[in-house]
All heavy atoms as atom14 arrays in JSON, in Angstrom:
{
  "sequence": "LQSLMDDCERMNRTTLQWLTNCLTPWLVDRAV",
  "atom14_mask": [
    [1, 1, 1, 1, 1, 1, 1, 1, 0, 0, 0, 0, 0, 0],
    [1, 1, 1, 1, 1, 1, 1, 1, 1, 0, 0, 0, 0, 0],
    [1, 1, 1, 1, 1, 1, 0, 0, 0, 0, 0, 0, 0, 0],
    [1, 1, 1, 1, 1, 1, 1, 1, 0, 0, 0, 0, 0, 0],
    [1, 1, 1, 1, 1, 1, 1, 1, 0, 0, 0, 0, 0, 0],
    [1, 1, 1, 1, 1, 1, 1, 1, 0, 0, 0, 0, 0, 0],
    [1, 1, 1, 1, 1, 1, 1, 1, 0, 0, 0, 0, 0, 0],
    [1, 1, 1, 1, 1, 1, 0, 0, 0, 0, 0, 0, 0, 0],
    [1, 1, 1, 1, 1, 1, 1, 1, 1, 0, 0, 0, 0, 0],
    [1, 1, 1, 1, 1, 1, 1, 1, 1, 1, 1, 0, 0, 0],
    [1, 1, 1, 1, 1, 1, 1, 1, 0, 0, 0, 0, 0, 0],
    [1, 1, 1, 1, 1, 1, 1, 1, 0, 0, 0, 0, 0, 0],
    [1, 1, 1, 1, 1, 1, 1, 1, 1, 1, 1, 0, 0, 0],
    [1, 1, 1, 1, 1, 1, 1, 0, 0, 0, 0, 0, 0, 0],
    [1, 1, 1, 1, 1, 1, 1, 0, 0, 0, 0, 0, 0, 0],
    [1, 1, 1, 1, 1, 1, 1, 1, 0, 0, 0, 0, 0, 0],
    [1, 1, 1, 1, 1, 1, 1, 1, 1, 0, 0, 0, 0, 0],
    [1, 1, 1, 1, 1, 1, 1, 1, 1, 1, 1, 1, 1, 1],
    [1, 1, 1, 1, 1, 1, 1, 1, 0, 0, 0, 0, 0, 0],
    [1, 1, 1, 1, 1, 1, 1, 0, 0, 0, 0, 0, 0, 0],
    [1, 1, 1, 1, 1, 1, 1, 1, 0, 0, 0, 0, 0, 0],
    [1, 1, 1, 1, 1, 1, 0, 0, 0, 0, 0, 0, 0, 0],
    [1, 1, 1, 1, 1, 1, 1, 1, 0, 0, 0, 0, 0, 0],
    [1, 1, 1, 1, 1, 1, 1, 0, 0, 0, 0, 0, 0, 0],
    [1, 1, 1, 1, 1, 1, 1, 0, 0, 0, 0, 0, 0, 0],
    [1, 1, 1, 1, 1, 1, 1, 1, 1, 1, 1, 1, 1, 1],
    [1, 1, 1, 1, 1, 1, 1, 1, 0, 0, 0, 0, 0, 0],
    [1, 1, 1, 1, 1, 1, 1, 0, 0, 0, 0, 0, 0, 0],
    [1, 1, 1, 1, 1, 1, 1, 1, 0, 0, 0, 0, 0, 0],
    [1, 1, 1, 1, 1, 1, 1, 1, 1, 1, 1, 0, 0, 0],
    [1, 1, 1, 1, 1, 0, 0, 0, 0, 0, 0, 0, 0, 0],
    [1, 1, 1, 1, 1, 1, 1, 0, 0, 0, 0, 0, 0, 0]
  ],
  "atom14_positions": [
    [[2.15, -17.61, -5.08], [1.2, -16.79, -5.77], [0.4, -16.07, -4.93], [0.09, -14.9, -5.23], [0.38, -17.89, -6.57], [-0.83, -17.23, -7.4], [-0.33, -16.2, -8.4], [-1.62, -18.37, -8.09], [0.0, 0.0, 0.0], [0.0, 0.0, 0.0], [0.0, 0.0, 0.0], [0.0, 0.0, 0.0], [0.0, 0.0, 0.0], [0.0, 0.0, 0.0]],
    [[-0.01, -16.61, -3.76], [-0.81, -15.81, -2.79], [0.01, -14.66, -2.21], [-0.49, -13.58, -2.06], [-1.3, -16.75, -1.62], [-2.11, -16.02, -0.64], [-3.42, -15.46, -1.12], [-4.16, -16.22, -1.74], [-3.56, -14.15, -1.05], [0.0, 0.0, 0.0], [0.0, 0.0, 0.0], [0.0, 0.0, 0.0], [0.0, 0.0, 0.0], [0.0, 0.0, 0.0]],
    [[1.26, -14.89, -2.07], [2.17, -13.82, -1.51], [2.25, -12.76, -2.6], [2.28, -11.49, -2.22], [3.54, -14.41, -1.23], [4.41, -13.37, -0.73], [0.0, 0.0, 0.0], [0.0, 0.0, 0.0], [0.0, 0.0, 0.0], [0.0, 0.0, 0.0], [0.0, 0.0, 0.0], [0.0, 0.0, 0.0], [0.0, 0.0, 0.0], [0.0, 0.0, 0.0]],
    [[2.31, -13.1, -3.79], [2.38, -12.13, -4.87], [1.14, -11.26, -4.97], [1.2, -9.96, -5.15], [2.58, -12.82, -6.23], [2.7, -11.92, -7.47], [3.76, -10.93, -7.42], [2.74, -12.77, -8.77], [0.0, 0.0, 0.0], [0.0, 0.0, 0.0], [0.0, 0.0, 0.0], [0.0, 0.0, 0.0], [0.0, 0.0, 0.0], [0.0, 0.0, 0.0]],
    [[0.0, -11.9, -4.77], [-1.36, -11.13, -4.68], [-1.36, -10.09, -3.48], [-1.73, -8.97, -3.63], [-2.47, -12.02, -4.67], [-2.67, -12.89, -5.9], [-4.01, -14.05, -5.73], [-5.38, -12.98, -5.62], [0.0, 0.0, 0.0], [0.0, 0.0, 0.0], [0.0, 0.0, 0.0], [0.0, 0.0, 0.0], [0.0, 0.0, 0.0], [0.0, 0.0, 0.0]],
    [[-0.72, -10.61, -2.39], [-0.64, -9.64, -1.21], [0.27, -8.5, -1.57], [0.1, -7.34, -1.16], [-0.14, -10.47, -0.03], [-1.14, -11.42, 0.55], [-2.36, -11.37, 0.15], [-0.82, -12.32, 1.32], [0.0, 0.0, 0.0], [0.0, 0.0, 0.0], [0.0, 0.0, 0.0], [0.0, 0.0, 0.0], [0.0, 0.0, 0.0], [0.0, 0.0, 0.0]],
    [[1.44, -8.86, -2.28], [2.28, -7.81, -2.66], [1.65, -6.71, -3.59], [1.92, -5.48, -3.39], [3.51, -8.32, -3.34], [4.44, -9.13, -2.46], [4.38, -9.08, -1.28], [5.21, -9.97, -3.01], [0.0, 0.0, 0.0], [0.0, 0.0, 0.0], [0.0, 0.0, 0.0], [0.0, 0.0, 0.0], [0.0, 0.0, 0.0], [0.0, 0.0, 0.0]],
    [[0.85, -7.15, -4.5], [0.1, -6.31, -5.39], [-0.81, -5.37, -4.56], [-0.98, -4.11, -4.86], [-0.66, -7.03, -6.44], [0.37, -7.91, -7.67], [0.0, 0.0, 0.0], [0.0, 0.0, 0.0], [0.0, 0.0, 0.0], [0.0, 0.0, 0.0], [0.0, 0.0, 0.0], [0.0, 0.0, 0.0], [0.0, 0.0, 0.0], [0.0, 0.0, 0.0]],
    [[-1.55, -5.92, -3.55], [-2.45, -5.16, -2.69], [-1.67, -4.04, -2.03], [-2.08, -2.89, -1.96], [-3.19, -6.12, -1.82], [-4.33, -5.4, -0.9], [-3.79, -4.66, 0.25], [-2.7, -4.97, 0.82], [-4.45, -3.75, 0.72], [0.0, 0.0, 0.0], [0.0, 0.0, 0.0], [0.0, 0.0, 0.0], [0.0, 0.0, 0.0], [0.0, 0.0, 0.0]],
    [[-0.5, -4.42, -1.43], [0.27, -3.53, -0.7], [0.83, -2.37, -1.64], [0.88, -1.2, -1.36], [1.39, -4.18, 0.08], [2.2, -3.27, 0.95], [3.06, -4.09, 1.82], [3.99, -4.89, 1.17], [3.84, -6.26, 1.22], [2.84, -6.88, 1.84], [4.73, -7.02, 0.52], [0.0, 0.0, 0.0], [0.0, 0.0, 0.0], [0.0, 0.0, 0.0]],
    [[1.22, -2.82, -2.83], [1.78, -1.88, -3.81], [0.72, -0.74, -4.24], [0.99, 0.38, -4.39], [2.5, -2.56, -5.0], [2.97, -1.71, -6.01], [4.32, -0.48, -5.33], [5.6, -1.61, -5.06], [0.0, 0.0, 0.0], [0.0, 0.0, 0.0], [0.0, 0.0, 0.0], [0.0, 0.0, 0.0], [0.0, 0.0, 0.0], [0.0, 0.0, 0.0]],
    [[-0.46, -1.38, -4.48], [-1.54, -0.43, -4.95], [-1.87, 0.62, -3.82], [-1.89, 1.86, -4.09], [-2.85, -1.32, -5.12], [-2.86, -1.89, -6.48], [-2.03, -1.52, -7.46], [-3.86, -2.71, -6.83], [0.0, 0.0, 0.0], [0.0, 0.0, 0.0], [0.0, 0.0, 0.0], [0.0, 0.0, 0.0], [0.0, 0.0, 0.0], [0.0, 0.0, 0.0]],
    [[-1.91, 0.12, -2.62], [-2.23, 1.03, -1.42], [-1.06, 1.99, -1.27], [-1.32, 3.14, -1.01], [-2.42, 0.16, -0.21], [-2.96, 0.93, 1.0], [-3.61, 0.08, 1.88], [-3.14, -1.25, 2.02], [-2.13, -1.64, 2.88], [-1.61, -0.76, 3.68], [-1.75, -2.95, 2.96], [0.0, 0.0, 0.0], [0.0, 0.0, 0.0], [0.0, 0.0, 0.0]],
    [[0.16, 1.53, -1.39], [1.29, 2.42, -1.31], [1.3, 3.46, -2.3], [1.57, 4.66, -1.96], [2.72, 1.62, -1.28], [2.62, 0.56, -0.35], [3.84, 2.49, -1.15], [0.0, 0.0, 0.0], [0.0, 0.0, 0.0], [0.0, 0.0, 0.0], [0.0, 0.0, 0.0], [0.0, 0.0, 0.0], [0.0, 0.0, 0.0], [0.0, 0.0, 0.0]],
    [[1.05, 3.1, -3.56], [1.14, 4.02, -4.65], [0.07, 5.1, -4.5], [0.25, 6.36, -4.75], [0.92, 3.3, -6.0], [2.03, 2.3, -6.12], [1.01, 4.21, -7.16], [0.0, 0.0, 0.0], [0.0, 0.0, 0.0], [0.0, 0.0, 0.0], [0.0, 0.0, 0.0], [0.0, 0.0, 0.0], [0.0, 0.0, 0.0], [0.0, 0.0, 0.0]],
    [[-1.13, 4.64, -4.14], [-2.28, 5.58, -3.94], [-2.06, 6.5, -2.78], [-2.33, 7.73, -2.88], [-3.65, 4.76, -3.74], [-4.17, 4.16, -5.06], [-5.19, 3.12, -4.72], [-4.78, 5.28, -5.93], [0.0, 0.0, 0.0], [0.0, 0.0, 0.0], [0.0, 0.0, 0.0], [0.0, 0.0, 0.0], [0.0, 0.0, 0.0], [0.0, 0.0, 0.0]],
    [[-1.54, 5.99, -1.74], [-1.27, 6.96, -0.55], [-0.16, 7.89, -0.85], [-0.16, 9.0, -0.32], [-0.94, 6.12, 0.73], [-2.1, 5.32, 1.26], [-1.99, 4.57, 2.47], [-2.74, 3.7, 2.94], [-0.82, 4.78, 3.22], [0.0, 0.0, 0.0], [0.0, 0.0, 0.0], [0.0, 0.0, 0.0], [0.0, 0.0, 0.0], [0.0, 0.0, 0.0]],
    [[0.61, 7.66, -1.83], [1.75, 8.51, -2.23], [1.2, 9.59, -3.22], [1.57, 10.7, -3.14], [2.83, 7.63, -2.9], [4.11, 8.4, -3.32], [4.48, 9.7, -3.03], [4.97, 7.88, -4.27], [5.64, 10.0, -3.65], [5.99, 8.96, -4.43], [5.16, 6.72, -4.98], [7.1, 8.79, -5.35], [6.21, 6.51, -5.8], [7.19, 7.64, -5.97]],
    [[0.43, 9.17, -4.13], [0.02, 9.99, -5.25], [-1.09, 10.92, -4.97], [-1.53, 11.78, -5.76], [-0.37, 9.16, -6.51], [0.77, 8.37, -7.12], [0.2, 7.57, -8.37], [1.9, 9.21, -7.5], [0.0, 0.0, 0.0], [0.0, 0.0, 0.0], [0.0, 0.0, 0.0], [0.0, 0.0, 0.0], [0.0, 0.0, 0.0], [0.0, 0.0, 0.0]],
    [[-1.95, 10.65, -3.88], [-3.12, 11.37, -3.44], [-3.02, 12.1, -2.19], [-2.13, 11.96, -1.41], [-4.26, 10.31, -3.46], [-4.15, 9.58, -2.28], [-4.37, 9.51, -4.71], [0.0, 0.0, 0.0], [0.0, 0.0, 0.0], [0.0, 0.0, 0.0], [0.0, 0.0, 0.0], [0.0, 0.0, 0.0], [0.0, 0.0, 0.0], [0.0, 0.0, 0.0]],
    [[-4.01, 12.93, -1.96], [-4.35, 13.41, -0.67], [-5.1, 12.4, 0.05], [-6.33, 12.31, 0.06], [-5.2, 14.73, -0.9], [-5.67, 15.21, 0.43], [-5.02, 15.23, 1.46], [-6.95, 15.78, 0.51], [0.0, 0.0, 0.0], [0.0, 0.0, 0.0], [0.0, 0.0, 0.0], [0.0, 0.0, 0.0], [0.0, 0.0, 0.0], [0.0, 0.0, 0.0]],
    [[-4.37, 11.55, 0.85], [-4.9, 10.34, 1.52], [-5.53, 10.8, 2.81], [-4.73, 11.22, 3.78], [-3.76, 9.34, 1.7], [-4.42, 7.86, 2.49], [0.0, 0.0, 0.0], [0.0, 0.0, 0.0], [0.0, 0.0, 0.0], [0.0, 0.0, 0.0], [0.0, 0.0, 0.0], [0.0, 0.0, 0.0], [0.0, 0.0, 0.0], [0.0, 0.0, 0.0]],
    [[-6.77, 10.59, 3.0], [-7.46, 10.94, 4.25], [-7.64, 9.81, 5.29], [-7.86, 10.05, 6.39], [-8.92, 11.38, 3.87], [-9.09, 12.58, 3.04], [-10.48, 12.93, 2.87], [-8.2, 13.75, 3.42], [0.0, 0.0, 0.0], [0.0, 0.0, 0.0], [0.0, 0.0, 0.0], [0.0, 0.0, 0.0], [0.0, 0.0, 0.0], [0.0, 0.0, 0.0]],
    [[-7.08, 8.63, 4.83], [-7.19, 7.44, 5.71], [-5.85, 6.64, 5.58], [-5.84, 5.62, 4.96], [-8.41, 6.5, 5.31], [-8.34, 6.22, 3.92], [-9.65, 7.2, 5.67], [0.0, 0.0, 0.0], [0.0, 0.0, 0.0], [0.0, 0.0, 0.0], [0.0, 0.0, 0.0], [0.0, 0.0, 0.0], [0.0, 0.0, 0.0], [0.0, 0.0, 0.0]],
    [[-4.82, 7.27, 6.1], [-3.52, 6.62, 5.96], [-3.35, 5.27, 6.71], [-3.37, 5.18, 7.9], [-2.52, 7.61, 6.59], [-3.3, 8.51, 7.43], [-4.77, 8.46, 6.91], [0.0, 0.0, 0.0], [0.0, 0.0, 0.0], [0.0, 0.0, 0.0], [0.0, 0.0, 0.0], [0.0, 0.0, 0.0], [0.0, 0.0, 0.0], [0.0, 0.0, 0.0]],
    [[-3.26, 4.2, 5.98], [-3.1, 2.82, 6.54], [-1.64, 2.49, 6.54], [-0.9, 2.94, 5.82], [-3.78, 1.78, 5.7], [-5.32, 1.75, 5.83], [-6.12, 2.63, 5.16], [-6.11, 0.81, 6.51], [-7.43, 2.33, 5.43], [-7.53, 1.18, 6.32], [-5.87, -0.28, 7.34], [-8.45, 0.54, 6.88], [-6.94, -0.91, 7.81], [-8.22, -0.5, 7.68]],
    [[-1.26, 1.74, 7.64], [0.12, 1.33, 7.77], [0.49, 0.48, 6.61], [-0.3, -0.5, 6.38], [0.3, 0.61, 9.14], [1.67, -0.02, 9.35], [2.68, 1.19, 9.6], [1.69, -0.94, 10.58], [0.0, 0.0, 0.0], [0.0, 0.0, 0.0], [0.0, 0.0, 0.0], [0.0, 0.0, 0.0], [0.0, 0.0, 0.0], [0.0, 0.0, 0.0]],
    [[1.6, 0.75, 5.86], [2.01, -0.08, 4.75], [2.96, -1.2, 5.25], [2.69, -2.38, 5.07], [2.7, 0.84, 3.68], [3.24, -0.08, 2.59], [1.66, 1.83, 3.11], [0.0, 0.0, 0.0], [0.0, 0.0, 0.0], [0.0, 0.0, 0.0], [0.0, 0.0, 0.0], [0.0, 0.0, 0.0], [0.0, 0.0, 0.0], [0.0, 0.0, 0.0]],
    [[3.99, -0.74, 5.87], [4.93, -1.68, 6.55], [5.74, -0.82, 7.54], [5.62, 0.36, 7.65], [5.75, -2.44, 5.6], [6.61, -1.51, 4.62], [7.08, -0.47, 5.13], [6.76, -1.81, 3.49], [0.0, 0.0, 0.0], [0.0, 0.0, 0.0], [0.0, 0.0, 0.0], [0.0, 0.0, 0.0], [0.0, 0.0, 0.0], [0.0, 0.0, 0.0]],
    [[6.73, -1.58, 8.21], [7.46, -0.89, 9.32], [8.46, 0.03, 8.8], [8.99, 0.98, 9.46], [8.13, -1.9, 10.15], [7.08, -2.52, 11.14], [7.81, -3.67, 12.0], [8.05, -4.85, 11.21], [8.51, -5.98, 11.78], [8.71, -6.13, 13.04], [8.72, -6.99, 10.97], [0.0, 0.0, 0.0], [0.0, 0.0, 0.0], [0.0, 0.0, 0.0]],
    [[8.82, -0.12, 7.42], [9.78, 0.82, 6.82], [9.23, 2.14, 6.43], [9.76, 3.22, 6.93], [10.36, 0.14, 5.59], [0.0, 0.0, 0.0], [0.0, 0.0, 0.0], [0.0, 0.0, 0.0], [0.0, 0.0, 0.0], [0.0, 0.0, 0.0], [0.0, 0.0, 0.0], [0.0, 0.0, 0.0], [0.0, 0.0, 0.0], [0.0, 0.0, 0.0]],
    [[8.13, 2.23, 5.76], [7.53, 3.49, 5.31], [6.41, 4.04, 6.17], [5.94, 5.06, 5.94], [7.06, 3.36, 3.81], [8.25, 2.91, 2.88], [5.95, 2.36, 3.62], [0.0, 0.0, 0.0], [0.0, 0.0, 0.0], [0.0, 0.0, 0.0], [0.0, 0.0, 0.0], [0.0, 0.0, 0.0], [0.0, 0.0, 0.0], [0.0, 0.0, 0.0]]
  ]
}
């Protein structure tokens, strides 16, 4: 369950960095 919550946090950040003009690009993972 905790891992799922972490996945949601990462997915939110990934989606926002993709859909927006992101001024503060945080590392998502080693792949992207």
